[in-house]
Every structure is written in structure tokens, then in C-alpha cells.
């Protein structure tokens, strides 16, 4: 029987249900300055006295990728993942990251290990151009195993109201530009650990722990270069390419991606084969080679690609959404049968 993310212990449906339950609770706390809250890539809030600029804030973690760090003793890359997961979300609303804070919970504090983790956080902050201004480390004996730790990160950025990316200007005929991922990034590792035996996870740690690519500087550069700015941006994380690529699109629009128009990391094809994992489940779990999908007018595609660099390419287009279909359609097989 093919493996699924849910069989490995993660329910995306439960996560979506939780967001629905949380949304009214967050709404009950609203202040007049709140522009956008739960459900988007980042919360947005006016700066009192300066309504033309908005603060953007987001939070995330690294997930069970940390199990591989603990198994292998390789701790200097997961901090980059921690930063990437938040700052890549900030840039999807057009915000420049300003500051970052971390929270580390450990079973038993090993200063050398956590210093290695924080060295990665500092590296990620340098890549994103934001300042690491503080954090918290807590020992939780009995809550975590002595050699285990968990991470959470919090990022705040700034965006002019006129520069917010929200998808409202997307229209059929626009094109989708994909930025390649550096590998698995930080999603789907519960399924990875169900496929690969523990001893192999440890041996292949450096490959599997390749950090999430940080897209901040190139996306902001493209946002400035494209006339009127980027029309939509999607950081491909939890829910995979199928759920995330069309996250900002209006109801009437669909992004049609062309399989084969971007490279898929070999490790993903291997996981699909060894699971085995159904191709549809792969698309619902992993980034499948695209870490970020941007939407621009067709006549601005070359401008955007030149500003982005780093393997950016046109991977699809925006069309009218057919009745009964979702926001993402993929033409062809990303994981063809072998």
C-alpha cells in the first residue's frame, strides 16, 4: 500500500480545521490597526501615526527535520531553516524582514549544540538581511528527551501599503515564475522518516539537512523591478506544491504548471519510488522542486527573471479557473512512472 503523509502521523486536514477554529479567536482580539490576520502568509498591521507603512509578522518552526539533526549530530544548518520558514513567508506579502527572534526548548541544555544551532540562525539572518535581536532557551526535563530540542522562530518586517503583494491583481494571461528549491526544505520529514531507515537518515544527514533556500533578496529585487510589483507570491511549504502554488490567487483564477519545465531534486524521485508514494501525495506533501512561485504580467517575465537570477524560469500561466477545480493544475507528470 502506498505511503501517505497522514499514515506517517501528519494530518493536513486537521491543520486546516485548526486554522478555521483559530480565526474567530484571533478576530476577537483585533485592534483598529490590523489589516490582515490569521490565514495569510503574514499578519499585517498599520504603524500608529504612519498608515502608509505596515508591519508584517510571522512565525514558524522546522518540524521533524530536527530528528535527523539529533540522529546525526549535525546542528549547524537547521537554524537556517528556521529563519527561512518565516522570512520567505514575509517576502510573499512584499515585506522586507527587519528582525528575528528564536525560541529553543531542550530536554537538557548542551551549550555547544545550541550554539551550533544559533550559528545557523545567525547565518540565515545574514542571508535575509535581518537582525537577530533576541530569543529564549528553556530546559524542559521530562518533556523532551535529553538530546532533543525544538525550535520556533518569529520574524517582523516592513512594507509600504502600496507595495503589499496580495494576489488581487492576478489575471488570466499572467505567467508563473518558479524559483528552484534547494531540496526538501523543511516539510514532509515525517514521511521521509517513514520511508528511509534510521541508520540511512544518519548517514545521509548532510544531504537531507540541506537548508531551505532563502529567497528574500531576489524576490524583493524582482518586486521592485516589475512594473507595479509582483502580482502574487507563494512560498511552497506545508501542503506541498498542490496546495501552496495558488494560495494568493483570486477565486476565478487557476495556475497551470507545466511538469518538466523545472528540475526536480533526485531525492524526491527516490522517495516517491521507495515509499512507494503516489504522485498526487508527493504533490500534496513536498515542494517538488519549486520553493517559490511568483506571478507577473506576461510582458514583464523577462524583467522578473533577470532580477531573480538563480535558476528562475517560467513554469506555467494563469487561466480562468474551470468550474469545480482548485487553484492549481499541473499538466503532465512531475513524478513519471518508472
Foldseek 3Di string as FASTA:
>chain_A
DFDFLVVLPDDPVVVVVVLVVCVVVVVVVDDPQWDDDGDALWTWGADVPHRQKIKTKDKDWQPCLQVLCLLQVQQQARLLLRLQSNLVSVCQFPWQWAEKEKEKEAQADDPVNVVSNVNNVVVNCVVSVYYHDYYYYYHDHPVHPHSGMIMMMMIMTMDGPLLTAQAPPDDFQWFKKFFWWPAQARWDVSLVPVQDDSVVSNVCVVVSSNHTDRQNPLQSQLQVQAVSGFNGKWFAHQQAQQPTQQSRHDPFKAWEFEAPPADFDPVLLVSCVRSVHDQVSSRRIGNRTTRMMTIGRPVCVVRSCVSRPNRMDTGTTMDGDDPPDDRYHYPDGSRDDD
